[in-house]
C-alpha atoms as a PDB file:
ATOM      1  CA  MET A   1       0.233  48.680  66.106  1.00  0.00           C
ATOM      2  CA  PRO A   2       1.320  45.008  65.949  1.00  0.00           C
ATOM      3  CA  ASP A   3      -2.240  44.065  65.159  1.00  0.00           C
ATOM      4  CA  LYS A   4      -2.207  46.402  62.164  1.00  0.00           C
ATOM      5  CA  ILE A   5       1.050  44.933  60.930  1.00  0.00           C
ATOM      6  CA  LEU A   6      -0.345  41.442  61.260  1.00  0.00           C
ATOM      7  CA  ILE A   7      -3.415  42.363  59.300  1.00  0.00           C
ATOM      8  CA  ARG A   8      -1.326  44.101  56.640  1.00  0.00           C
ATOM      9  CA  ASN A   9       0.916  41.030  56.108  1.00  0.00           C
ATOM     10  CA  SER A  10      -1.989  38.579  55.909  1.00  0.00           C
ATOM     11  CA  PRO A  11      -2.972  37.484  52.378  1.00  0.00           C
ATOM     12  CA  ALA A  12      -5.924  39.363  51.055  1.00  0.00           C
ATOM     13  CA  PRO A  13      -8.992  37.367  50.056  1.00  0.00           C
ATOM     14  CA  PHE A  14      -8.554  38.119  46.353  1.00  0.00           C
ATOM     15  CA  GLU A  15      -4.890  37.030  46.462  1.00  0.00           C
ATOM     16  CA  ARG A  16      -5.672  33.464  47.578  1.00  0.00           C
ATOM     17  CA  GLY A  17      -6.995  32.412  44.165  1.00  0.00           C
ATOM     18  CA  CYS A  18      -5.054  34.735  41.913  1.00  0.00           C
ATOM     19  CA  PRO A  19      -6.734  35.045  38.471  1.00  0.00           C
ATOM     20  CA  LYS A  20      -3.359  35.609  36.857  1.00  0.00           C
ATOM     21  CA  ASP A  21      -2.017  32.231  38.084  1.00  0.00           C
ATOM     22  CA  SER A  22      -5.181  30.443  37.023  1.00  0.00           C
ATOM     23  CA  PHE A  23      -4.915  32.024  33.581  1.00  0.00           C
ATOM     24  CA  ARG A  24      -1.312  30.849  33.224  1.00  0.00           C
ATOM     25  CA  GLU A  25      -2.220  27.319  34.276  1.00  0.00           C
ATOM     26  CA  GLY A  26      -5.064  27.324  31.756  1.00  0.00           C
ATOM     27  CA  GLU A  27      -2.787  28.474  28.950  1.00  0.00           C
ATOM     28  CA  ALA A  28      -0.231  25.784  29.802  1.00  0.00           C
ATOM     29  CA  THR A  29      -2.951  23.142  29.802  1.00  0.00           C
ATOM     30  CA  LYS A  30      -4.193  24.345  26.417  1.00  0.00           C
ATOM     31  CA  LYS A  31      -0.678  24.171  24.975  1.00  0.00           C
ATOM     32  CA  ARG A  32      -0.205  20.622  26.241  1.00  0.00           C
ATOM     33  CA  PHE A  33      -3.602  19.677  24.845  1.00  0.00           C
ATOM     34  CA  ARG A  34      -2.748  21.202  21.471  1.00  0.00           C
ATOM     35  CA  LYS A  35       0.548  19.319  21.355  1.00  0.00           C
ATOM     36  CA  LYS A  36      -1.193  16.046  22.150  1.00  0.00           C
ATOM     37  CA  ASN A  37      -3.791  16.688  19.434  1.00  0.00           C
ATOM     38  CA  LEU A  38      -1.171  17.795  16.926  1.00  0.00           C
ATOM     39  CA  LEU A  39       1.147  14.807  17.402  1.00  0.00           C
ATOM     40  CA  PRO A  40      -1.104  12.213  15.655  1.00  0.00           C
ATOM     41  CA  TYR A  41      -1.456  14.493  12.636  1.00  0.00           C
ATOM     42  CA  LEU A  42       2.303  14.957  12.471  1.00  0.00           C
ATOM     43  CA  LEU A  43       2.830  11.203  12.562  1.00  0.00           C
ATOM     44  CA  VAL A  44       0.226  10.599   9.848  1.00  0.00           C
ATOM     45  CA  SER A  45       1.271  13.532   7.662  1.00  0.00           C
ATOM     46  CA  PRO A  46       3.937  11.637   5.602  1.00  0.00           C
ATOM     47  CA  TYR A  47       1.369   9.031   4.616  1.00  0.00           C
ATOM     48  CA  LEU A  48      -1.231  11.721   3.866  1.00  0.00           C
ATOM     49  CA  VAL A  49       1.250  13.556   1.640  1.00  0.00           C
ATOM     50  CA  PHE A  50       2.047  10.292  -0.139  1.00  0.00           C
ATOM     51  CA  VAL A  51      -1.647   9.535  -0.724  1.00  0.00           C
ATOM     52  CA  ILE A  52      -2.390  13.042  -1.970  1.00  0.00           C
ATOM     53  CA  VAL A  53       0.605  13.199  -4.317  1.00  0.00           C
ATOM     54  CA  PHE A  54       0.588   9.634  -5.668  1.00  0.00           C
ATOM     55  CA  VAL A  55      -3.094   8.617  -5.396  1.00  0.00           C
ATOM     56  CA  VAL A  56      -5.557  11.485  -5.147  1.00  0.00           C
ATOM     57  CA  PHE A  57      -3.867  13.825  -7.615  1.00  0.00           C
ATOM     58  CA  PRO A  58      -3.227  11.137 -10.308  1.00  0.00           C
ATOM     59  CA  VAL A  59      -6.836   9.907 -10.056  1.00  0.00           C
ATOM     60  CA  LEU A  60      -8.250  13.422 -10.383  1.00  0.00           C
ATOM     61  CA  PHE A  61      -5.853  14.222 -13.217  1.00  0.00           C
ATOM     62  CA  CYS A  62      -6.780  11.029 -15.069  1.00  0.00           C
ATOM     63  CA  PHE A  63     -10.459  11.837 -14.667  1.00  0.00           C
ATOM     64  CA  PHE A  64      -9.745  15.269 -16.124  1.00  0.00           C
ATOM     65  CA  LEU A  65      -7.929  13.622 -19.033  1.00  0.00           C
ATOM     66  CA  THR A  66     -11.010  11.586 -19.958  1.00  0.00           C
ATOM     67  CA  PHE A  67     -12.574  14.772 -21.342  1.00  0.00           C
ATOM     68  CA  ASN A  68      -9.500  15.797 -23.315  1.00  0.00           C
ATOM     69  CA  LYS A  69      -7.386  14.692 -26.245  1.00  0.00           C
ATOM     70  CA  TRP A  70      -3.685  14.706 -25.389  1.00  0.00           C
ATOM     71  CA  ASN A  71      -0.601  13.044 -26.830  1.00  0.00           C
ATOM     72  CA  ILE A  72       1.889  14.387 -24.224  1.00  0.00           C
ATOM     73  CA  ILE A  73       3.612  16.629 -26.790  1.00  0.00           C
ATOM     74  CA  ALA A  74       0.791  18.834 -28.086  1.00  0.00           C
ATOM     75  CA  PRO A  75      -1.402  20.915 -25.758  1.00  0.00           C
ATOM     76  CA  MET A  76      -4.583  19.345 -24.398  1.00  0.00           C
ATOM     77  CA  HIS A  77      -7.742  19.729 -26.429  1.00  0.00           C
ATOM     78  CA  PHE A  78     -11.134  19.507 -24.738  1.00  0.00           C
ATOM     79  CA  ILE A  79     -13.432  17.058 -26.568  1.00  0.00           C
ATOM     80  CA  GLY A  80     -16.178  16.461 -24.034  1.00  0.00           C
ATOM     81  CA  VAL A  81     -17.513  12.896 -23.858  1.00  0.00           C
ATOM     82  CA  SER A  82     -16.064  11.811 -27.200  1.00  0.00           C
ATOM     83  CA  ASN A  83     -13.680   9.393 -25.496  1.00  0.00           C
ATOM     84  CA  TYR A  84     -16.583   7.652 -23.775  1.00  0.00           C
ATOM     85  CA  SER A  85     -18.467   7.397 -27.044  1.00  0.00           C
ATOM     86  CA  ARG A  86     -15.392   5.928 -28.717  1.00  0.00           C
ATOM     87  CA  LEU A  87     -15.030   3.382 -25.900  1.00  0.00           C
ATOM     88  CA  PHE A  88     -18.445   1.818 -26.487  1.00  0.00           C
ATOM     89  CA  HIS A  89     -17.734   1.460 -30.219  1.00  0.00           C
ATOM     90  CA  ASP A  90     -14.181   0.124 -29.840  1.00  0.00           C
ATOM     91  CA  ARG A  91     -14.380  -3.546 -30.878  1.00  0.00           C
ATOM     92  CA  LEU A  92     -10.773  -4.251 -30.011  1.00  0.00           C
ATOM     93  CA  PHE A  93     -11.312  -3.106 -26.426  1.00  0.00           C
ATOM     94  CA  TRP A  94     -14.287  -5.436 -26.021  1.00  0.00           C
ATOM     95  CA  LYS A  95     -12.199  -8.196 -27.559  1.00  0.00           C
ATOM     96  CA  ALA A  96      -9.580  -7.539 -24.870  1.00  0.00           C
ATOM     97  CA  ILE A  97     -12.302  -7.682 -22.205  1.00  0.00           C
ATOM     98  CA  LEU A  98     -13.468 -11.028 -23.587  1.00  0.00           C
ATOM     99  CA  ASN A  99      -9.914 -12.382 -23.562  1.00  0.00           C
ATOM    100  CA  THR A 100      -9.514 -11.323 -19.937  1.00  0.00           C
ATOM    101  CA  LEU A 101     -12.768 -13.048 -18.974  1.00  0.00           C
ATOM    102  CA  GLN A 102     -11.623 -16.221 -20.759  1.00  0.00           C
ATOM    103  CA  PHE A 103      -8.408 -16.048 -18.771  1.00  0.00           C
ATOM    104  CA  LEU A 104     -10.345 -15.665 -15.511  1.00  0.00           C
ATOM    105  CA  LEU A 105     -12.659 -18.545 -16.441  1.00  0.00           C
ATOM    106  CA  LEU A 106      -9.740 -20.972 -16.099  1.00  0.00           C
ATOM    107  CA  HIS A 107      -7.428 -19.054 -13.791  1.00  0.00           C
ATOM    108  CA  ILE A 108      -9.745 -18.570 -10.791  1.00  0.00           C
ATOM    109  CA  PRO A 109     -11.104 -22.140 -10.474  1.00  0.00           C
ATOM    110  CA  LEU A 110      -7.703 -23.667 -11.204  1.00  0.00           C
ATOM    111  CA  GLN A 111      -5.943 -21.473  -8.681  1.00  0.00           C
ATOM    112  CA  LEU A 112      -8.625 -22.098  -6.065  1.00  0.00           C
ATOM    113  CA  ILE A 113      -8.585 -25.887  -6.451  1.00  0.00           C
ATOM    114  CA  VAL A 114      -4.806 -26.309  -6.723  1.00  0.00           C
ATOM    115  CA  SER A 115      -3.970 -24.009  -3.820  1.00  0.00           C
ATOM    116  CA  LEU A 116      -6.591 -25.590  -1.549  1.00  0.00           C
ATOM    117  CA  PHE A 117      -5.408 -29.093  -2.454  1.00  0.00           C
ATOM    118  CA  LEU A 118      -1.762 -28.269  -1.763  1.00  0.00           C
ATOM    119  CA  ALA A 119      -2.624 -26.492   1.490  1.00  0.00           C
ATOM    120  CA  TYR A 120      -4.674 -29.496   2.609  1.00  0.00           C
ATOM    121  CA  LEU A 121      -1.691 -31.776   1.971  1.00  0.00           C
ATOM    122  CA  LEU A 122       0.703 -29.457   3.784  1.00  0.00           C
ATOM    123  CA  ASN A 123      -1.675 -29.307   6.743  1.00  0.00           C
ATOM    124  CA  GLN A 124      -1.149 -33.030   7.297  1.00  0.00           C
ATOM    125  CA  LYS A 125       1.774 -34.309   9.317  1.00  0.00           C
ATOM    126  CA  ILE A 126       4.356 -34.788   6.575  1.00  0.00           C
ATOM    127  CA  LYS A 127       8.128 -34.694   6.550  1.00  0.00           C
ATOM    128  CA  ALA A 128       9.893 -31.580   5.237  1.00  0.00           C
ATOM    129  CA  GLY A 129       6.677 -29.542   5.428  1.00  0.00           C
ATOM    130  CA  SER A 130       8.614 -26.290   5.784  1.00  0.00           C
ATOM    131  CA  PHE A 131      10.657 -27.105   2.694  1.00  0.00           C
ATOM    132  CA  PHE A 132       7.549 -27.672   0.588  1.00  0.00           C
ATOM    133  CA  ARG A 133       5.919 -24.485   1.867  1.00  0.00           C
ATOM    134  CA  ALA A 134       8.994 -22.485   0.903  1.00  0.00           C
ATOM    135  CA  SER A 135       9.176 -24.244  -2.479  1.00  0.00           C
ATOM    136  CA  PHE A 136       5.563 -23.441  -3.320  1.00  0.00           C
ATOM    137  CA  PHE A 137       6.025 -19.814  -2.299  1.00  0.00           C
ATOM    138  CA  MET A 138       9.278 -19.307  -4.218  1.00  0.00           C
ATOM    139  CA  PRO A 139       7.676 -18.398  -7.604  1.00  0.00           C
ATOM    140  CA  VAL A 140       5.682 -15.646  -5.883  1.00  0.00           C
ATOM    141  CA  ILE A 141       8.795 -13.710  -4.871  1.00  0.00           C
ATOM    142  CA  VAL A 142      10.561 -14.238  -8.195  1.00  0.00           C
ATOM    143  CA  SER A 143      10.177 -11.429 -10.709  1.00  0.00           C
ATOM    144  CA  GLY A 144       7.207 -11.842 -13.024  1.00  0.00           C
ATOM    145  CA  VAL A 145       9.428 -11.067 -16.005  1.00  0.00           C
ATOM    146  CA  VAL A 146      11.813 -13.890 -15.091  1.00  0.00           C
ATOM    147  CA  VAL A 147       8.963 -16.381 -14.651  1.00  0.00           C
ATOM    148  CA  THR A 148       7.381 -15.322 -17.937  1.00  0.00           C
ATOM    149  CA  ILE A 149      10.633 -15.756 -19.878  1.00  0.00           C
ATOM    150  CA  LEU A 150      11.104 -19.178 -18.273  1.00  0.00           C
ATOM    151  CA  TRP A 151       7.651 -20.343 -19.365  1.00  0.00           C
ATOM    152  CA  GLN A 152       8.178 -18.830 -22.788  1.00  0.00           C
ATOM    153  CA  GLN A 153      11.107 -21.195 -23.200  1.00  0.00           C
ATOM    154  CA  LEU A 154       9.052 -24.115 -21.929  1.00  0.00           C
ATOM    155  CA  LEU A 155       6.094 -23.444 -24.239  1.00  0.00           C
ATOM    156  CA  GLY A 156       8.048 -22.552 -27.380  1.00  0.00           C
ATOM    157  CA  PHE A 157       6.801 -24.325 -30.506  1.00  0.00           C
ATOM    158  CA  ASP A 158      10.109 -25.452 -32.023  1.00  0.00           C
ATOM    159  CA  SER A 159      12.583 -25.314 -29.149  1.00  0.00           C
ATOM    160  CA  GLY A 160      10.269 -25.513 -26.163  1.00  0.00           C
ATOM    161  CA  LEU A 161      11.032 -28.225 -23.617  1.00  0.00           C
ATOM    162  CA  ILE A 162       7.424 -29.433 -23.440  1.00  0.00           C
ATOM    163  CA  ASN A 163       7.129 -29.888 -27.199  1.00  0.00           C
ATOM    164  CA  ARG A 164      10.473 -31.671 -27.290  1.00  0.00           C
ATOM    165  CA  MET A 165       9.164 -34.125 -24.730  1.00  0.00           C
ATOM    166  CA  LEU A 166       6.008 -34.636 -26.792  1.00  0.00           C
ATOM    167  CA  VAL A 167       8.009 -35.286 -29.967  1.00  0.00           C
ATOM    168  CA  SER A 168      10.286 -37.728 -28.144  1.00  0.00           C
ATOM    169  CA  THR A 169       7.209 -39.763 -27.168  1.00  0.00           C
ATOM    170  CA  GLY A 170       5.866 -39.788 -30.744  1.00  0.00           C
ATOM    171  CA  LEU A 171       3.257 -37.039 -30.302  1.00  0.00           C
ATOM    172  CA  ASN A 172       2.832 -33.911 -32.372  1.00  0.00           C
ATOM    173  CA  LYS A 173       3.905 -30.462 -31.341  1.00  0.00           C
ATOM    174  CA  ILE A 174       1.299 -28.160 -29.806  1.00  0.00           C
ATOM    175  CA  GLY A 175       1.214 -24.437 -30.499  1.00  0.00           C
ATOM    176  CA  TRP A 176       0.833 -23.397 -26.890  1.00  0.00           C
ATOM    177  CA  LEU A 177       1.428 -19.729 -27.648  1.00  0.00           C
ATOM    178  CA  ILE A 178       0.761 -19.544 -31.392  1.00  0.00           C
ATOM    179  CA  ASN A 179      -2.634 -21.220 -31.507  1.00  0.00           C
ATOM    180  CA  PRO A 180      -5.353 -18.553 -30.972  1.00  0.00           C
ATOM    181  CA  ASP A 181      -7.689 -21.122 -29.436  1.00  0.00           C
ATOM    182  CA  ILE A 182      -5.429 -22.160 -26.543  1.00  0.00           C
ATOM    183  CA  ALA A 183      -2.875 -19.355 -26.135  1.00  0.00           C
ATOM    184  CA  ILE A 184      -4.841 -17.505 -23.443  1.00  0.00           C
ATOM    185  CA  TYR A 185      -5.358 -20.732 -21.495  1.00  0.00           C
ATOM    186  CA  SER A 186      -1.634 -21.500 -21.640  1.00  0.00           C
ATOM    187  CA  ILE A 187      -1.002 -18.111 -20.068  1.00  0.00           C
ATOM    188  CA  ALA A 188      -3.641 -18.870 -17.426  1.00  0.00           C
ATOM    189  CA  VAL A 189      -1.815 -22.064 -16.431  1.00  0.00           C
ATOM    190  CA  MET A 190       1.466 -20.205 -16.182  1.00  0.00           C
ATOM    191  CA  ALA A 191      -0.071 -17.397 -14.074  1.00  0.00           C
ATOM    192  CA  THR A 192      -1.617 -19.992 -11.767  1.00  0.00           C
ATOM    193  CA  TRP A 193       1.756 -21.676 -11.270  1.00  0.00           C
ATOM    194  CA  LYS A 194       3.363 -18.354 -10.368  1.00  0.00           C
ATOM    195  CA  ASN A 195       0.751 -17.147  -7.875  1.00  0.00           C
ATOM    196  CA  VAL A 196      -0.475 -20.390  -6.319  1.00  0.00           C
ATOM    197  CA  GLY A 197       2.103 -20.273  -3.504  1.00  0.00           C
ATOM    198  CA  LEU A 198       0.547 -17.151  -1.980  1.00  0.00           C
ATOM    199  CA  TYR A 199      -2.888 -18.737  -1.814  1.00  0.00           C
ATOM    200  CA  VAL A 200      -1.458 -21.983  -0.446  1.00  0.00           C
ATOM    201  CA  ILE A 201      -0.169 -20.010   2.547  1.00  0.00           C
ATOM    202  CA  LEU A 202      -3.528 -18.272   2.991  1.00  0.00           C
ATOM    203  CA  PHE A 203      -5.421 -21.562   2.872  1.00  0.00           C
ATOM    204  CA  LEU A 204      -2.918 -23.171   5.211  1.00  0.00           C
ATOM    205  CA  VAL A 205      -3.520 -20.452   7.793  1.00  0.00           C
ATOM    206  CA  GLY A 206      -7.263 -20.931   7.402  1.00  0.00           C
ATOM    207  CA  LEU A 207      -7.029 -24.707   7.800  1.00  0.00           C
ATOM    208  CA  GLN A 208      -4.950 -24.386  10.951  1.00  0.00           C
ATOM    209  CA  THR A 209      -7.654 -22.258  12.593  1.00  0.00           C
ATOM    210  CA  VAL A 210     -10.290 -25.018  12.323  1.00  0.00           C
ATOM    211  CA  PRO A 211     -10.769 -26.569  15.801  1.00  0.00           C
ATOM    212  CA  THR A 212      -9.678 -30.209  15.905  1.00  0.00           C
ATOM    213  CA  GLN A 213     -12.606 -31.040  18.197  1.00  0.00           C
ATOM    214  CA  TYR A 214     -14.944 -30.852  15.208  1.00  0.00           C
ATOM    215  CA  TYR A 215     -13.010 -33.547  13.373  1.00  0.00           C
ATOM    216  CA  GLU A 216     -12.847 -35.751  16.463  1.00  0.00           C
ATOM    217  CA  ALA A 217     -16.601 -35.502  16.937  1.00  0.00           C
ATOM    218  CA  ALA A 218     -17.196 -36.251  13.251  1.00  0.00           C
ATOM    219  CA  ARG A 219     -14.955 -39.324  13.380  1.00  0.00           C
ATOM    220  CA  MET A 220     -16.864 -40.587  16.386  1.00  0.00           C
ATOM    221  CA  GLU A 221     -20.057 -40.260  14.362  1.00  0.00           C
ATOM    222  CA  GLY A 222     -18.500 -42.271  11.542  1.00  0.00           C
ATOM    223  CA  ALA A 223     -17.945 -39.417   9.060  1.00  0.00           C
ATOM    224  CA  THR A 224     -15.609 -40.102   6.163  1.00  0.00           C
ATOM    225  CA  LYS A 225     -12.675 -37.885   5.166  1.00  0.00           C
ATOM    226  CA  TRP A 226     -14.732 -36.352   2.349  1.00  0.00           C
ATOM    227  CA  GLN A 227     -17.675 -35.674   4.653  1.00  0.00           C
ATOM    228  CA  GLN A 228     -15.374 -34.016   7.178  1.00  0.00           C
ATOM    229  CA  PHE A 229     -13.857 -31.858   4.451  1.00  0.00           C
ATOM    230  CA  TYR A 230     -17.206 -30.897   2.899  1.00  0.00           C
ATOM    231  CA  HIS A 231     -19.212 -30.295   6.085  1.00  0.00           C
ATOM    232  CA  ILE A 232     -16.500 -28.970   8.403  1.00  0.00           C
ATOM    233  CA  THR A 233     -13.457 -27.710   6.551  1.00  0.00           C
ATOM    234  CA  LEU A 234     -15.115 -25.818   3.700  1.00  0.00           C
ATOM    235  CA  PRO A 235     -17.618 -23.885   5.867  1.00  0.00           C
ATOM    236  CA  MET A 236     -14.921 -22.996   8.402  1.00  0.00           C
ATOM    237  CA  ILE A 237     -12.501 -21.626   5.794  1.00  0.00           C
ATOM    238  CA  ASN A 238     -15.163 -19.784   3.821  1.00  0.00           C
ATOM    239  CA  PRO A 239     -13.666 -16.335   4.667  1.00  0.00           C
ATOM    240  CA  THR A 240     -10.343 -17.534   3.262  1.00  0.00           C
ATOM    241  CA  ILE A 241     -12.063 -18.825   0.127  1.00  0.00           C
ATOM    242  CA  PHE A 242     -13.725 -15.453  -0.317  1.00  0.00           C
ATOM    243  CA  MET A 243     -10.365 -13.681   0.067  1.00  0.00           C
ATOM    244  CA  VAL A 244      -8.689 -15.982  -2.456  1.00  0.00           C
ATOM    245  CA  VAL A 245     -11.481 -15.513  -4.996  1.00  0.00           C
ATOM    246  CA  ILE A 246     -11.363 -11.722  -4.649  1.00  0.00           C
ATOM    247  CA  LEU A 247      -7.561 -11.523  -4.863  1.00  0.00           C
ATOM    248  CA  SER A 248      -7.487 -13.907  -7.828  1.00  0.00           C
ATOM    249  CA  THR A 249     -10.143 -11.871  -9.612  1.00  0.00           C
ATOM    250  CA  ILE A 250      -8.354  -8.569  -9.104  1.00  0.00           C
ATOM    251  CA  GLY A 251      -5.020 -10.115 -10.057  1.00  0.00           C
ATOM    252  CA  GLY A 252      -6.542 -11.732 -13.150  1.00  0.00           C
ATOM    253  CA  PHE A 253      -8.073  -8.455 -14.297  1.00  0.00           C
ATOM    254  CA  ASN A 254      -4.594  -6.911 -14.017  1.00  0.00           C
ATOM    255  CA  LEU A 255      -3.128  -9.413 -16.481  1.00  0.00           C
ATOM    256  CA  PHE A 256      -0.315  -7.609 -18.289  1.00  0.00           C
ATOM    257  CA  ILE A 257       3.237  -8.948 -17.973  1.00  0.00           C
ATOM    258  CA  GLU A 258       2.484 -12.444 -19.289  1.00  0.00           C
ATOM    259  CA  PRO A 259       0.869 -11.500 -22.625  1.00  0.00           C
ATOM    260  CA  TYR A 260       3.134  -8.488 -23.042  1.00  0.00           C
ATOM    261  CA  ILE A 261       6.308 -10.601 -22.936  1.00  0.00           C
ATOM    262  CA  MET A 262       5.127 -13.975 -24.220  1.00  0.00           C
ATOM    263  CA  THR A 263       2.857 -13.044 -27.116  1.00  0.00           C
ATOM    264  CA  GLY A 264       2.595  -9.273 -27.354  1.00  0.00           C
ATOM    265  CA  GLY A 265      -1.181  -9.704 -27.437  1.00  0.00           C
ATOM    266  CA  GLY A 266      -1.181 -12.149 -30.358  1.00  0.00           C
ATOM    267  CA  PRO A 267      -1.786 -14.323 -32.192  1.00  0.00           C
ATOM    268  CA  LEU A 268      -4.690 -12.456 -33.819  1.00  0.00           C
ATOM    269  CA  ASN A 269      -5.202 -10.471 -30.595  1.00  0.00           C
ATOM    270  CA  SER A 270      -6.260 -13.677 -28.839  1.00  0.00           C
ATOM    271  CA  THR A 271      -4.138 -12.879 -25.753  1.00  0.00           C
ATOM    272  CA  LEU A 272      -4.653  -9.115 -25.773  1.00  0.00           C
ATOM    273  CA  SER A 273      -5.702  -8.313 -22.204  1.00  0.00           C
ATOM    274  CA  ALA A 274      -7.574  -5.168 -21.215  1.00  0.00           C
ATOM    275  CA  VAL A 275      -4.599  -3.749 -19.289  1.00  0.00           C
ATOM    276  CA  LEU A 276      -2.263  -4.450 -22.200  1.00  0.00           C
ATOM    277  CA  TYR A 277      -4.649  -2.652 -24.558  1.00  0.00           C
ATOM    278  CA  ILE A 278      -4.818   0.348 -22.202  1.00  0.00           C
ATOM    279  CA  TYR A 279      -1.020   0.363 -22.051  1.00  0.00           C
ATOM    280  CA  LYS A 280      -0.739   0.335 -25.829  1.00  0.00           C
ATOM    281  CA  GLN A 281      -3.190   3.190 -26.193  1.00  0.00           C
ATOM    282  CA  ALA A 282      -1.157   5.271 -23.745  1.00  0.00           C
ATOM    283  CA  PHE A 283       2.476   4.490 -24.558  1.00  0.00           C
ATOM    284  CA  GLN A 284       2.365   3.115 -28.088  1.00  0.00           C
ATOM    285  CA  TYR A 285      -0.298   5.295 -29.711  1.00  0.00           C
ATOM    286  CA  TYR A 286       0.008   8.179 -27.199  1.00  0.00           C
ATOM    287  CA  ASN A 287      -3.754   8.519 -26.768  1.00  0.00           C
ATOM    288  CA  MET A 288      -3.538   9.614 -23.145  1.00  0.00           C
ATOM    289  CA  GLY A 289      -7.080  10.888 -22.880  1.00  0.00           C
ATOM    290  CA  TYR A 290      -8.604   7.772 -24.384  1.00  0.00           C
ATOM    291  CA  SER A 291      -6.338   5.541 -22.301  1.00  0.00           C
ATOM    292  CA  ALA A 292      -7.479   7.309 -19.119  1.00  0.00           C
ATOM    293  CA  THR A 293     -11.096   6.768 -20.178  1.00  0.00           C
ATOM    294  CA  LEU A 294     -10.479   3.052 -20.685  1.00  0.00           C
ATOM    295  CA  GLY A 295      -8.770   2.856 -17.300  1.00  0.00           C
ATOM    296  CA  PHE A 296     -11.657   4.517 -15.466  1.00  0.00           C
ATOM    297  CA  PHE A 297     -14.248   2.309 -17.130  1.00  0.00           C
ATOM    298  CA  TYR A 298     -12.186  -0.799 -16.444  1.00  0.00           C
ATOM    299  CA  ALA A 299     -11.730   0.121 -12.771  1.00  0.00           C
ATOM    300  CA  ILE A 300     -15.497   0.537 -12.368  1.00  0.00           C
ATOM    301  CA  MET A 301     -16.062  -2.814 -14.046  1.00  0.00           C
ATOM    302  CA  ILE A 302     -13.598  -4.572 -11.706  1.00  0.00           C
ATOM    303  CA  MET A 303     -15.250  -2.970  -8.691  1.00  0.00           C
ATOM    304  CA  SER A 304     -18.671  -4.114  -9.879  1.00  0.00           C
ATOM    305  CA  VAL A 305     -17.499  -7.705 -10.401  1.00  0.00           C
ATOM    306  CA  VAL A 306     -15.913  -7.825  -6.934  1.00  0.00           C
ATOM    307  CA  VAL A 307     -19.092  -6.495  -5.300  1.00  0.00           C
ATOM    308  CA  LEU A 308     -21.215  -9.080  -7.117  1.00  0.00           C
ATOM    309  CA  GLN A 309     -18.824 -11.836  -6.050  1.00  0.00           C
ATOM    310  CA  LYS A 310     -19.025 -10.673  -2.446  1.00  0.00           C
ATOM    311  CA  LYS A 311     -22.820 -10.670  -2.444  1.00  0.00           C
ATOM    312  CA  PHE A 312     -22.974 -14.081  -4.129  1.00  0.00           C
ATOM    313  CA  ILE A 313     -20.562 -15.686  -1.663  1.00  0.00           C
ATOM    314  CA  GLU A 314     -22.343 -14.127   1.330  1.00  0.00           C
ATOM    315  CA  LYS A 315     -25.661 -15.421  -0.025  1.00  0.00           C
ATOM    316  CA  GLU A 316     -24.200 -18.925  -0.362  1.00  0.00           C
ATOM    317  CA  VAL A 317     -22.963 -18.784   3.238  1.00  0.00           C
ATOM    318  CA  ASP A 318     -26.368 -17.696   4.547  1.00  0.00           C
END
């Protein structure tokens, strides 16, 4: 009888690894796994919502607008590829493209040379280096509208400070903003002054990453300062140069505030930039469909220029 009781109280073979307990453990593991997989998506979801609402949807909507005629008030009217046909025959748009390229022709080299020169000076052991770095960067953080109004007062024909200085020295006044031949270049100088501080900092970071051992070895071989700069510094900071060229190009193609405030696109449309023309088509003439078409074409053109620049610079490095 005791033996039977002992056998009856002993765990049965099938009870030792109970399927029900294993199932519960598996379900709990799955839940923990799901929570771990779900957490990254929850953390990223605000950014995804932002991108979808403020990037993806506007881009798709603008692309849809390129096939329609719409002035915000009246209902949309589908016109097919008429906007694209109008774009290729719009002389004023191609004039704006030409003005932008003229701006870039001076802006990019000037910004590259000035910012590299200033960064090279700041990289030397000079007094008040931090003060000069902050001074050069100050125009970057100041509002573009404020800087533009300031330069508008400097470059004014009758009351501008620069022309007053020229007259006081016996020279004639110069129509910095009213002469169609030089107005766009005056804006290029002003834009360079405003943005050069950012690229000075970028070049300064690049210069500080060049190992000093290279310069010491070059000096031992009798290399001059120019030879050290040309054969050591420039190749070592080539990635920074590429970044500056790309950022300057994209920023130059987005030229808007300066001509909008200083000249309004004049005189004789000589400072009418592509972005300013797109803005006028949208918010002055209310041609939303045509403006979206110009914007898409212009974005593709900027992308193509940047890709060509990248390939050219990489080829020069190789």
